[in-house]
Amino acid sequence: MRYTFFLLLLVLGCQVPDRSLILESGLVITQSIVFSGDTLRMPTPKDMHPAILVEGEDIVIDFKGALIQTEAAPERPNKFEGLAIKIQNSKNIRLRNLNVRGFKVGIWAESVEHLVLENCDISYNYRPQLKSSIYKPAAEDRVSNIQDVIHNGAAIYLKNCKHFELDSITCLHGQNGIILEDGEAGKIMHSLVQFNSGIGIGLLNTKKVEVAHNAISWNSRGYNYGLFNYPQGAGALLLDSLSKNNQIYYNDLSHSGILMPVPQDSSIVYRGNTFQHNNWLFAQPAGKFQVSPFLELADSLRLPAPVKPVRALLPPERFQGELYVLQDEWGPYDFQYPSIWLRHIDQDDQWTFLVAGPPGNYKVTGGYGWQHVNPKSGTLPATLFATAKPGADSVRLELEFIGEASIDRFGTPWNRGATIRFIFSETKVDSLHQALLNGKFH
């Protein structure tokens, strides 16, 4: 076994960039390497020992679109553990074309100088199952101590890194997207950080970082239009009071909370942090933080012209506006799969629903607790009305969808024409009515 391990290290040490290597768990990479674009499926880790460790200088790693994925059940992202890639004590590292699924942390870089991550998709990793509802907020849902990534997870975590660049990164449907701590002189550009239930991008004691041309939108928690609004510390961007001289420009920060401390003397906190030409629409204030207008119109910063701008907003056929900030126990809804959402209950006990998803057709196939449901079929998006039976203590609607290809909340793809079943269920009708009377629901 010791001899085999020595040979493995020897192979890696002698690897030249134009050769391919099969992806395996436990690799230690010390020189440039090209992988063959495989899929590595590994048992769910029990600790934070990385699947692949990178350490050294002047290393280029091209994964050629390879996927590193744990065998954990995708529908239980709150059970994800482990670390896919760790880069430590290194200099001049370039990593590209990697996909990571099913981990607590995707990429962890610590004490690295001149780091480039490009064209990586670190989506559908750890996120908690939220407990807040219309009835009451849950204290455990509050986002806190985001630098504790071992507990809270992150798609990408950079600690004590200098002169770094993150370009064309995708972080969807996790808890936290990109967290920078004690970093200096870096860039986050042309990236999609969306539909996370914690922080999109967090800057903690970070200096001289440019965040530009990114879609950092639809990152929220504790908010569901018309149902509840519990400030719980989630948002598109977190900028702490120690961060300074950062430039935030040409980003979509919409449909999210924006987290910035608001002290009595803002000049102490916003030391050279400059914001220009960002989209703040439909951003929700959160707790002791608020959407900040400080320096938004500052003319002291010379901004480069938009180059390779990311398409920051959802396509025009998608819903936009706070009316469509919708969340369930796994975080924000992305309209990529069929789903039904309660919108309103009137005095005659008529329930109004939004049925949303990709282009296609739906029909009601079953359920109970209703006198009338209308319309029972149609195309998406649709508004559906249902009148509850008098005295019903629970109600349920069962629907199915056939239409364009989709991908569900856990990253599972569905082919075009597949039949997808989905439901609405409420077992506390009396409590729901009481919430309505108390003004918690409208």
Protein backbone atom coordinates (compact mmCIF):
# COMPACT_ATOMS: atom_id res chain seq x y z
CA MET A 1 0.00 0.00 0.00
CA ARG A 2 2.84 2.41 0.86
CA TYR A 3 4.56 1.56 -2.43
CA THR A 4 1.34 2.15 -4.39
CA PHE A 5 0.82 5.52 -2.74
CA PHE A 6 4.40 6.51 -3.59
CA LEU A 7 3.83 5.62 -7.25
CA LEU A 8 0.64 7.71 -7.30
CA LEU A 9 2.48 10.75 -5.99
CA LEU A 10 5.26 10.14 -8.49
CA VAL A 11 2.78 10.06 -11.36
CA LEU A 12 1.20 13.31 -10.22
CA GLY A 13 4.54 14.96 -9.69
CA CYS A 14 5.64 14.12 -13.23
CA GLN A 15 2.36 14.90 -14.95
CA VAL A 16 2.62 17.29 -17.88
CA PRO A 17 -0.24 19.63 -18.70
CA ASP A 18 -1.20 18.06 -22.04
CA ARG A 19 -1.83 14.58 -20.66
CA SER A 20 -5.04 13.37 -19.05
CA LEU A 21 -5.51 11.69 -15.71
CA ILE A 22 -8.52 9.82 -14.38
CA LEU A 23 -10.21 11.53 -11.48
CA GLU A 24 -9.81 9.74 -8.13
CA SER A 25 -10.52 10.63 -4.54
CA GLY A 26 -7.44 11.25 -2.42
CA LEU A 27 -5.30 12.90 -5.11
CA VAL A 28 -2.59 15.33 -4.06
CA ILE A 29 -1.76 17.65 -6.95
CA THR A 30 1.59 19.43 -6.95
CA GLN A 31 2.10 20.14 -10.68
CA SER A 32 0.01 21.08 -13.69
CA ILE A 33 -2.48 18.49 -14.86
CA VAL A 34 -5.37 17.92 -17.27
CA PHE A 35 -8.20 15.56 -16.34
CA SER A 36 -10.27 13.58 -18.79
CA GLY A 37 -13.64 15.09 -17.95
CA ASP A 38 -14.86 12.13 -15.92
CA THR A 39 -17.40 11.95 -13.12
CA LEU A 40 -16.08 11.11 -9.67
CA ARG A 41 -18.78 9.74 -7.38
CA MET A 42 -17.59 9.19 -3.85
CA PRO A 43 -19.20 8.09 -0.59
CA THR A 44 -20.49 10.89 1.61
CA PRO A 45 -17.46 12.19 3.56
CA LYS A 46 -17.55 12.08 7.33
CA ASP A 47 -15.10 14.96 7.82
CA MET A 48 -13.59 17.91 5.96
CA HIS A 49 -10.65 16.00 4.52
CA PRO A 50 -10.64 17.10 0.87
CA ALA A 51 -11.30 14.77 -2.01
CA ILE A 52 -8.47 16.54 -3.86
CA LEU A 53 -5.66 18.59 -2.30
CA VAL A 54 -3.69 21.17 -4.29
CA GLU A 55 -0.43 22.56 -2.93
CA GLY A 56 2.55 24.10 -4.66
CA GLU A 57 3.48 26.81 -7.14
CA ASP A 58 2.79 27.51 -10.81
CA ILE A 59 0.05 24.90 -11.19
CA VAL A 60 -2.62 24.82 -13.91
CA ILE A 61 -5.46 22.32 -13.41
CA ASP A 62 -8.01 21.78 -16.16
CA PHE A 63 -10.85 19.47 -15.15
CA LYS A 64 -12.34 19.52 -18.68
CA GLY A 65 -15.87 19.69 -17.29
CA ALA A 66 -15.39 16.87 -14.79
CA LEU A 67 -17.99 16.41 -12.04
CA ILE A 68 -17.10 15.62 -8.44
CA GLN A 69 -20.21 14.43 -6.62
CA THR A 70 -20.97 12.61 -3.41
CA GLU A 71 -23.38 9.69 -3.24
CA ALA A 72 -25.54 11.52 -0.69
CA ALA A 73 -29.25 11.65 -1.53
CA PRO A 74 -29.72 14.87 -3.55
CA GLU A 75 -33.13 15.51 -1.99
CA ARG A 76 -31.50 15.89 1.46
CA PRO A 77 -28.99 18.73 0.95
CA ASN A 78 -29.05 19.42 4.69
CA LYS A 79 -27.15 16.14 5.12
CA PHE A 80 -24.30 17.01 2.75
CA GLU A 81 -20.82 16.90 4.27
CA GLY A 82 -17.22 17.12 3.18
CA LEU A 83 -14.93 19.21 1.00
CA ALA A 84 -14.31 18.64 -2.70
CA ILE A 85 -11.15 20.72 -3.38
CA LYS A 86 -8.70 22.35 -0.99
CA ILE A 87 -5.91 24.64 -2.17
CA GLN A 88 -3.46 25.67 0.52
CA ASN A 89 -0.12 27.42 1.03
CA SER A 90 0.29 27.94 -2.69
CA LYS A 91 1.19 30.50 -5.33
CA ASN A 92 0.16 30.97 -8.97
CA ILE A 93 -2.69 28.46 -9.11
CA ARG A 94 -5.20 28.31 -11.97
CA LEU A 95 -8.17 25.91 -11.76
CA ARG A 96 -10.79 25.70 -14.49
CA ASN A 97 -13.78 23.76 -15.86
CA LEU A 98 -14.88 21.98 -12.68
CA ASN A 99 -18.36 20.95 -11.49
CA VAL A 100 -19.05 20.09 -7.84
CA ARG A 101 -22.26 18.69 -6.32
CA GLY A 102 -23.31 17.36 -2.94
CA PHE A 103 -20.63 18.74 -0.57
CA LYS A 104 -20.66 21.01 2.46
CA VAL A 105 -17.92 23.13 0.81
CA GLY A 106 -17.01 23.02 -2.87
CA ILE A 107 -13.63 24.80 -3.07
CA TRP A 108 -11.65 25.99 -0.04
CA ALA A 109 -8.53 28.06 -0.73
CA GLU A 110 -6.39 29.25 2.17
CA SER A 111 -3.15 31.23 2.14
CA VAL A 112 -2.93 31.31 -1.64
CA GLU A 113 -1.40 34.13 -3.67
CA HIS A 114 -2.33 34.67 -7.31
CA LEU A 115 -5.28 32.28 -7.57
CA VAL A 116 -7.57 32.02 -10.59
CA LEU A 117 -10.82 30.02 -10.60
CA GLU A 118 -12.65 30.10 -13.92
CA ASN A 119 -15.64 28.46 -15.53
CA CYS A 120 -16.60 26.38 -12.49
CA ASP A 121 -20.13 25.33 -11.50
CA ILE A 122 -20.35 24.76 -7.75
CA SER A 123 -24.12 24.35 -7.39
CA TYR A 124 -26.57 22.19 -5.46
CA ASN A 125 -24.38 21.82 -2.42
CA TYR A 126 -25.21 22.14 1.29
CA ARG A 127 -28.26 24.09 2.46
CA PRO A 128 -30.36 23.64 5.59
CA GLN A 129 -34.00 22.67 5.69
CA LEU A 130 -35.71 25.85 6.88
CA LYS A 131 -38.35 25.73 9.59
CA SER A 132 -39.96 29.18 9.43
CA SER A 133 -43.51 29.40 8.10
CA ILE A 134 -46.53 31.68 8.08
CA TYR A 135 -47.29 30.57 11.63
CA LYS A 136 -44.03 31.64 13.25
CA PRO A 137 -40.37 32.30 12.55
CA ALA A 138 -37.78 29.76 13.62
CA ALA A 139 -34.78 31.17 15.49
CA GLU A 140 -32.51 28.45 14.10
CA ASP A 141 -33.09 29.78 10.58
CA ARG A 142 -31.16 32.95 11.36
CA VAL A 143 -27.97 33.24 9.28
CA SER A 144 -24.97 33.84 11.54
CA ASN A 145 -21.23 33.24 11.72
CA ILE A 146 -20.95 32.72 7.98
CA GLN A 147 -17.17 32.46 8.32
CA ASP A 148 -17.79 29.15 10.07
CA VAL A 149 -17.99 27.35 6.75
CA ILE A 150 -17.51 23.93 8.37
CA HIS A 151 -20.93 24.46 9.92
CA ASN A 152 -22.67 26.70 7.37
CA GLY A 153 -21.12 25.58 4.11
CA ALA A 154 -20.18 27.60 1.04
CA ALA A 155 -19.74 26.93 -2.63
CA ILE A 156 -16.37 28.73 -2.56
CA TYR A 157 -14.47 29.93 0.51
CA LEU A 158 -11.28 31.97 0.23
CA LYS A 159 -9.34 32.77 3.39
CA ASN A 160 -6.21 34.88 3.52
CA CYS A 161 -5.85 34.94 -0.26
CA LYS A 162 -4.25 37.78 -2.23
CA HIS A 163 -4.40 38.68 -5.92
CA PHE A 164 -7.19 36.29 -6.84
CA GLU A 165 -9.69 36.20 -9.68
CA LEU A 166 -12.99 34.35 -9.87
CA ASP A 167 -14.39 34.46 -13.39
CA SER A 168 -17.50 32.80 -14.85
CA ILE A 169 -18.41 31.00 -11.63
CA THR A 170 -21.88 29.52 -11.05
CA CYS A 171 -23.21 29.00 -7.52
CA LEU A 172 -26.89 28.05 -7.38
CA HIS A 173 -29.12 26.50 -4.74
CA GLY A 174 -26.78 26.29 -1.78
CA GLN A 175 -26.75 28.19 1.49
CA ASN A 176 -23.78 30.50 0.89
CA GLY A 177 -22.24 31.25 -2.48
CA ILE A 178 -18.80 32.89 -2.35
CA ILE A 179 -17.29 33.88 1.01
CA LEU A 180 -14.07 35.90 1.19
CA GLU A 181 -12.31 36.34 4.53
CA ASP A 182 -9.12 38.31 5.14
CA GLY A 183 -8.65 38.69 1.39
CA GLU A 184 -6.95 41.44 -0.58
CA ALA A 185 -6.67 42.57 -4.19
CA GLY A 186 -9.07 40.30 -6.04
CA LYS A 187 -11.89 40.18 -8.58
CA ILE A 188 -15.21 38.39 -8.86
CA MET A 189 -16.47 38.82 -12.40
CA HIS A 190 -19.11 37.52 -14.85
CA SER A 191 -20.58 35.05 -12.37
CA LEU A 192 -24.03 33.73 -11.45
CA VAL A 193 -24.67 33.51 -7.70
CA GLN A 194 -28.42 32.99 -7.40
CA PHE A 195 -31.20 31.23 -5.51
CA ASN A 196 -29.12 30.60 -2.39
CA SER A 197 -30.80 30.62 1.02
CA GLY A 198 -27.96 32.41 2.81
CA ILE A 199 -25.38 34.88 1.51
CA GLY A 200 -24.66 35.33 -2.18
CA ILE A 201 -21.25 36.97 -1.82
CA GLY A 202 -19.75 37.78 1.58
CA LEU A 203 -16.80 40.13 2.12
CA LEU A 204 -15.30 39.76 5.59
CA ASN A 205 -12.29 41.94 6.42
CA THR A 206 -11.65 42.15 2.70
CA LYS A 207 -9.75 44.91 0.92
CA LYS A 208 -9.40 46.11 -2.67
CA VAL A 209 -11.75 43.60 -4.24
CA GLU A 210 -13.76 44.29 -7.39
CA VAL A 211 -17.19 42.66 -7.63
CA ALA A 212 -18.51 43.43 -11.10
CA HIS A 213 -20.79 42.19 -13.89
CA ASN A 214 -22.35 39.50 -11.71
CA ALA A 215 -25.90 38.28 -11.16
CA ILE A 216 -26.05 38.03 -7.36
CA SER A 217 -29.82 37.92 -7.22
CA TRP A 218 -32.68 35.92 -5.67
CA ASN A 219 -30.61 35.09 -2.57
CA SER A 220 -33.00 35.29 0.37
CA ARG A 221 -34.54 33.63 3.38
CA GLY A 222 -37.48 34.33 5.65
CA TYR A 223 -39.44 36.17 2.98
CA ASN A 224 -42.39 34.95 0.93
CA TYR A 225 -44.50 37.70 -0.59
CA GLY A 226 -47.92 37.88 1.01
CA LEU A 227 -47.12 35.12 3.49
CA PHE A 228 -44.34 36.15 5.84
CA ASN A 229 -41.36 38.45 6.22
CA TYR A 230 -38.94 37.40 8.95
CA PRO A 231 -35.56 39.16 8.65
CA GLN A 232 -33.10 36.30 9.00
CA GLY A 233 -29.79 37.61 7.76
CA ALA A 234 -29.73 36.32 4.19
CA GLY A 235 -28.95 38.46 1.18
CA ALA A 236 -27.19 39.04 -2.10
CA LEU A 237 -24.19 40.84 -0.63
CA LEU A 238 -22.71 40.97 2.87
CA LEU A 239 -20.12 43.65 3.51
CA ASP A 240 -18.82 43.72 7.06
CA SER A 241 -17.50 46.72 8.97
CA LEU A 242 -13.84 45.73 8.50
CA SER A 243 -13.93 45.62 4.72
CA LYS A 244 -12.59 48.65 2.85
CA ASN A 245 -11.66 49.98 -0.56
CA ASN A 246 -13.84 47.48 -2.40
CA GLN A 247 -15.57 48.34 -5.68
CA ILE A 248 -19.07 46.97 -6.31
CA TYR A 249 -20.38 47.84 -9.77
CA TYR A 250 -22.57 46.64 -12.64
CA ASN A 251 -24.17 43.85 -10.58
CA ASP A 252 -27.73 42.62 -10.29
CA LEU A 253 -28.43 42.54 -6.55
CA SER A 254 -32.19 42.33 -6.93
CA HIS A 255 -34.80 40.10 -5.29
CA SER A 256 -32.55 39.66 -2.25
CA GLY A 257 -31.61 41.13 1.07
CA ILE A 258 -28.61 43.47 1.06
CA LEU A 259 -26.64 43.22 4.29
CA MET A 260 -24.54 46.15 5.38
CA PRO A 261 -24.03 47.50 8.89
CA VAL A 262 -25.53 50.93 9.46
CA PRO A 263 -23.56 52.73 12.20
CA GLN A 264 -24.06 56.29 13.40
CA ASP A 265 -21.05 57.38 11.40
CA SER A 266 -21.17 55.59 8.06
CA SER A 267 -17.77 56.95 7.04
CA ILE A 268 -16.15 54.66 9.59
CA VAL A 269 -17.58 51.58 7.94
CA TYR A 270 -17.73 52.54 4.26
CA ARG A 271 -14.03 53.34 4.06
CA GLY A 272 -13.60 53.61 0.32
CA ASN A 273 -16.19 50.96 -0.49
CA THR A 274 -17.86 52.24 -3.64
CA PHE A 275 -21.10 51.15 -5.30
CA GLN A 276 -22.07 52.18 -8.82
CA HIS A 277 -24.57 51.08 -11.44
CA ASN A 278 -25.96 48.14 -9.47
CA ASN A 279 -29.55 46.94 -9.68
CA TRP A 280 -31.02 47.05 -6.16
CA LEU A 281 -34.64 46.50 -7.20
CA PHE A 282 -36.89 44.49 -4.90
CA ALA A 283 -34.09 44.15 -2.33
CA GLN A 284 -35.36 43.44 1.18
CA PRO A 285 -33.81 45.07 4.25
CA ALA A 286 -32.81 42.56 6.89
CA GLY A 287 -32.64 43.04 10.66
CA LYS A 288 -29.98 45.51 11.80
CA PHE A 289 -28.77 45.82 8.24
CA GLN A 290 -30.31 47.69 5.37
CA VAL A 291 -30.01 48.41 1.69
CA SER A 292 -27.33 51.05 1.60
CA PRO A 293 -27.40 54.08 -0.68
CA PHE A 294 -24.00 55.28 0.52
CA LEU A 295 -21.65 56.25 -2.30
CA GLU A 296 -24.05 54.83 -4.87
CA LEU A 297 -23.64 57.98 -6.96
CA ALA A 298 -20.04 58.67 -6.07
CA ASP A 299 -18.08 60.22 -8.92
CA SER A 300 -14.64 59.57 -7.49
CA LEU A 301 -14.38 56.07 -8.93
CA ARG A 302 -13.33 55.63 -12.54
CA LEU A 303 -15.17 52.53 -13.69
CA PRO A 304 -14.16 50.51 -16.74
CA ALA A 305 -16.71 50.19 -19.52
CA PRO A 306 -18.90 47.08 -19.34
CA VAL A 307 -16.89 44.23 -20.82
CA LYS A 308 -18.32 40.74 -21.22
CA PRO A 309 -21.33 41.65 -19.06
CA VAL A 310 -23.25 38.73 -17.61
CA ARG A 311 -26.97 38.61 -18.37
CA ALA A 312 -27.87 39.64 -14.89
CA LEU A 313 -31.65 39.43 -14.96
CA LEU A 314 -33.90 36.47 -15.55
CA PRO A 315 -35.11 36.12 -19.15
CA PRO A 316 -38.11 38.36 -19.96
CA GLU A 317 -40.53 35.43 -19.92
CA ARG A 318 -39.69 34.85 -16.24
CA PHE A 319 -41.48 36.57 -13.38
CA GLN A 320 -39.77 39.55 -11.79
CA GLY A 321 -40.68 41.66 -8.78
CA GLU A 322 -41.15 41.09 -5.07
CA LEU A 323 -44.47 39.41 -5.83
CA TYR A 324 -42.46 36.46 -7.11
CA VAL A 325 -39.94 36.12 -4.30
CA LEU A 326 -41.18 32.68 -3.30
CA GLN A 327 -39.55 30.28 -0.87
CA ASP A 328 -40.11 26.87 0.61
CA GLU A 329 -38.13 24.92 3.17
CA TRP A 330 -35.21 24.58 0.74
CA GLY A 331 -34.87 28.22 -0.23
CA PRO A 332 -35.85 30.49 -3.13
CA TYR A 333 -37.90 29.18 -6.04
CA ASP A 334 -36.26 29.50 -9.48
CA PHE A 335 -39.20 28.77 -11.82
CA GLN A 336 -37.25 25.89 -13.39
CA TYR A 337 -39.74 23.22 -12.29
CA PRO A 338 -43.54 23.16 -11.87
CA SER A 339 -44.82 24.29 -8.49
CA ILE A 340 -47.99 25.68 -6.90
CA TRP A 341 -48.03 28.60 -4.47
CA LEU A 342 -50.81 29.91 -2.24
CA ARG A 343 -51.45 33.61 -2.86
CA HIS A 344 -54.61 34.64 -1.03
CA ILE A 345 -57.64 33.43 0.91
CA ASP A 346 -60.75 35.60 0.77
CA GLN A 347 -63.66 35.84 3.20
CA ASP A 348 -65.64 33.24 1.25
CA ASP A 349 -62.81 30.73 1.72
CA GLN A 350 -61.75 30.92 -1.90
CA TRP A 351 -58.05 30.16 -2.18
CA THR A 352 -56.00 31.73 -4.97
CA PHE A 353 -52.92 29.91 -6.25
CA LEU A 354 -50.10 30.67 -8.66
CA VAL A 355 -49.07 27.67 -10.76
CA ALA A 356 -45.62 28.37 -12.23
CA GLY A 357 -42.80 26.58 -13.98
CA PRO A 358 -41.30 26.04 -17.43
CA PRO A 359 -43.51 26.34 -20.53
CA GLY A 360 -46.01 23.49 -20.61
CA ASN A 361 -49.42 22.27 -19.52
CA TYR A 362 -50.80 21.35 -16.12
CA LYS A 363 -53.90 19.55 -14.93
CA VAL A 364 -55.43 18.86 -11.54
CA THR A 365 -55.47 15.09 -10.99
CA GLY A 366 -56.80 14.78 -7.45
CA GLY A 367 -56.95 16.09 -3.92
CA TYR A 368 -59.47 16.61 -1.14
CA GLY A 369 -61.10 19.30 0.99
CA TRP A 370 -62.46 21.37 -1.92
CA GLN A 371 -65.91 22.19 -3.23
CA HIS A 372 -64.70 23.66 -6.51
CA VAL A 373 -61.38 23.92 -8.35
CA ASN A 374 -61.09 26.06 -11.47
CA PRO A 375 -59.55 25.89 -14.00
CA LYS A 376 -58.58 22.24 -13.72
CA SER A 377 -56.14 22.41 -16.63
CA GLY A 378 -54.24 24.98 -18.64
CA THR A 379 -50.84 26.32 -19.63
CA LEU A 380 -48.19 27.74 -17.31
CA PRO A 381 -48.13 30.22 -15.76
CA ALA A 382 -51.68 30.08 -14.44
CA THR A 383 -53.90 31.36 -11.66
CA LEU A 384 -56.02 28.66 -10.04
CA PHE A 385 -58.98 29.19 -7.70
CA ALA A 386 -60.23 26.61 -5.20
CA THR A 387 -63.08 26.91 -2.69
CA ALA A 388 -62.61 24.92 0.49
CA LYS A 389 -65.37 22.77 1.92
CA PRO A 390 -66.93 24.21 5.10
CA GLY A 391 -65.19 22.83 8.17
CA ALA A 392 -62.32 21.24 6.24
CA ASP A 393 -59.35 20.87 8.59
CA SER A 394 -56.94 19.84 5.84
CA VAL A 395 -56.81 20.34 2.08
CA ARG A 396 -54.73 18.94 -0.75
CA LEU A 397 -54.33 19.54 -4.48
CA GLU A 398 -52.56 17.05 -6.74
CA LEU A 399 -51.34 18.19 -10.15
CA GLU A 400 -49.18 17.00 -13.01
CA PHE A 401 -47.17 18.83 -15.63
CA ILE A 402 -46.02 17.94 -19.15
CA GLY A 403 -43.86 20.42 -21.02
CA GLU A 404 -40.34 21.62 -21.64
CA ALA A 405 -37.26 20.15 -20.00
CA SER A 406 -36.83 21.18 -16.39
CA ILE A 407 -34.53 20.78 -13.42
CA ASP A 408 -35.95 20.38 -9.94
CA ARG A 409 -34.96 22.10 -6.70
CA PHE A 410 -32.33 19.43 -6.01
CA GLY A 411 -30.67 19.58 -9.41
CA THR A 412 -32.35 16.51 -10.91
CA PRO A 413 -33.08 17.02 -14.64
CA TRP A 414 -36.39 16.08 -16.29
CA ASN A 415 -36.62 15.52 -20.04
CA ARG A 416 -39.01 17.38 -22.29
CA GLY A 417 -42.38 15.64 -22.27
CA ALA A 418 -41.84 13.90 -18.93
CA THR A 419 -44.80 13.77 -16.54
CA ILE A 420 -43.96 15.62 -13.33
CA ARG A 421 -46.31 15.38 -10.35
CA PHE A 422 -46.50 18.09 -7.70
CA ILE A 423 -48.85 18.99 -4.85
CA PHE A 424 -50.14 21.62 -2.47
CA SER A 425 -51.04 20.38 1.01
CA GLU A 426 -52.17 22.19 4.15
CA THR A 427 -52.95 20.30 7.34
CA LYS A 428 -53.58 23.36 9.55
CA VAL A 429 -56.48 25.13 7.87
CA ASP A 430 -57.76 26.56 11.17
CA SER A 431 -54.31 27.94 12.01
CA LEU A 432 -54.08 29.44 8.54
CA HIS A 433 -57.40 31.20 9.03
CA GLN A 434 -56.23 32.49 12.41
CA ALA A 435 -53.07 33.88 10.84
CA LEU A 436 -55.26 35.63 8.28
CA LEU A 437 -57.35 37.21 11.02
CA ASN A 438 -54.21 38.34 12.85
CA GLY A 439 -52.96 40.12 9.76
CA LYS A 440 -49.93 37.89 9.22
CA PHE A 441 -51.18 36.86 5.84
CA HIS A 442 -52.64 38.91 3.01
